[in-house]
Protein backbone atom coordinates (compact mmCIF):
# COMPACT_ATOMS: atom_id res chain seq x y z
CA MET A 1 89.94 84.68 91.28
CA GLY A 2 91.33 83.53 87.98
CA ALA A 3 94.65 81.89 87.37
CA SER A 4 96.20 85.24 86.42
CA ASN A 5 95.61 86.46 89.98
CA SER A 6 97.13 83.38 91.62
CA VAL A 7 100.46 83.42 93.41
CA TYR A 8 102.44 80.18 93.29
CA VAL A 9 105.35 79.64 95.65
CA GLU A 10 107.26 76.37 95.46
CA GLY A 11 107.74 74.61 98.77
CA SER A 12 111.50 74.47 98.21
CA LYS A 13 111.58 78.27 98.01
CA ILE A 14 109.78 78.85 101.30
CA ILE A 15 111.29 76.09 103.42
CA LYS A 16 114.02 77.69 105.49
CA ASN A 17 115.43 76.50 108.81
CA GLY A 18 112.34 74.40 109.58
CA GLY A 19 109.94 77.26 108.85
CA ALA A 20 108.49 79.06 105.89
CA VAL A 21 108.13 82.71 105.09
CA ALA A 22 106.38 84.06 102.01
CA ASN A 23 105.65 87.69 101.21
CA LEU A 24 102.50 87.99 99.16
CA TYR A 25 101.58 90.98 97.01
CA MET A 26 97.95 90.89 95.94
CA ASP A 27 95.64 92.78 93.61
CA LYS A 28 93.33 95.45 95.01
CA GLU A 29 90.60 93.20 96.39
CA GLU A 30 88.93 93.49 99.78
CA TYR A 31 89.75 89.89 100.70
CA VAL A 32 91.89 87.23 99.08
CA PHE A 33 91.98 83.50 99.57
CA VAL A 34 95.45 82.07 100.15
CA SER A 35 96.06 78.33 100.05
CA GLY A 36 99.12 76.15 100.09
CA ILE A 37 100.54 72.73 100.80
CA ILE A 38 102.93 72.00 103.66
CA TYR A 39 106.00 69.99 102.60
CA SER A 40 108.91 68.59 104.58
CA PRO A 41 112.47 69.47 103.53
CA THR A 42 112.47 66.12 101.70
CA LYS A 43 109.38 67.25 99.74
CA GLU A 44 106.91 64.93 101.49
CA VAL A 45 103.43 66.28 102.25
CA ILE A 46 102.91 66.95 105.97
CA PRO A 47 99.33 66.36 107.17
CA ASN A 48 97.75 68.18 110.13
CA ALA A 49 100.45 70.86 110.38
CA ALA A 50 99.74 74.15 112.16
CA VAL A 51 100.39 77.34 110.17
CA SER A 52 100.71 80.64 112.04
CA ILE A 53 99.66 83.76 110.14
CA THR A 54 101.07 87.21 110.85
CA LEU A 55 100.00 90.42 109.11
CA ILE A 56 102.81 92.89 108.41
CA ASP A 57 101.53 96.45 108.01
CA LYS A 58 104.27 98.24 106.08
CA SER A 59 102.41 101.56 106.11
CA GLU A 60 103.90 102.13 109.57
CA THR A 61 107.54 102.79 110.44
CA PRO A 62 108.79 100.42 111.66
CA PRO A 63 106.39 97.89 110.10
CA ASN A 64 103.80 96.64 112.58
CA GLU A 65 103.45 92.85 112.89
CA ILE A 66 100.06 91.60 114.08
CA PHE A 67 99.57 87.91 114.86
CA LEU A 68 96.26 86.88 113.28
CA GLY A 69 96.02 83.26 114.36
CA VAL A 70 96.63 79.70 113.33
CA THR A 71 95.13 77.46 110.69
CA PHE A 72 95.78 73.77 110.08
CA SER A 73 96.51 71.68 107.03
CA ASN A 74 94.26 68.73 106.23
CA GLN A 75 95.33 65.11 105.75
CA ASP A 76 96.73 66.04 102.32
CA GLY A 77 98.84 68.90 103.74
CA VAL A 78 96.55 71.54 102.22
CA TYR A 79 95.57 74.69 104.14
CA GLY A 80 93.60 77.77 103.12
CA VAL A 81 92.55 81.05 104.66
CA SER A 82 90.74 84.22 103.61
CA LEU A 83 92.70 87.39 104.45
CA PRO A 84 92.00 91.12 104.19
CA TRP A 85 93.89 93.00 101.49
CA LYS A 86 95.08 96.57 101.77
CA LEU A 87 97.93 98.47 100.19
CA ASN A 88 101.16 97.86 102.15
CA TYR A 89 99.91 94.61 103.74
CA GLU A 90 102.11 91.52 103.65
CA TYR A 91 101.62 88.18 105.35
CA LYS A 92 104.04 85.82 106.99
CA PHE A 93 103.18 82.10 107.16
CA ILE A 94 105.16 79.77 109.44
CA PRO A 95 104.36 76.03 109.55
CA TYR A 96 104.78 74.00 112.73
CA CYS A 97 105.04 70.28 112.13
């Protein structure tokens, strides 16, 4: 994926009440790789944080939320995961530190 297909979300925009939520809209690819860095509210990197991942299927009414699993950040606070992409899919990421 080139830079034009990247989605950048600042940590300050997704930190909310001790958790983070980001809706991602992606190009029509079969799978996409999503990565990020976990920050504290004071903008310090948080190593070894758990990040839960939930798929939101908006093609259903009401939208169906499916818990996919958990990934972990490394010692630099970086995490990454490959996710399926379909029209009307969104993902919710919540860090646990």
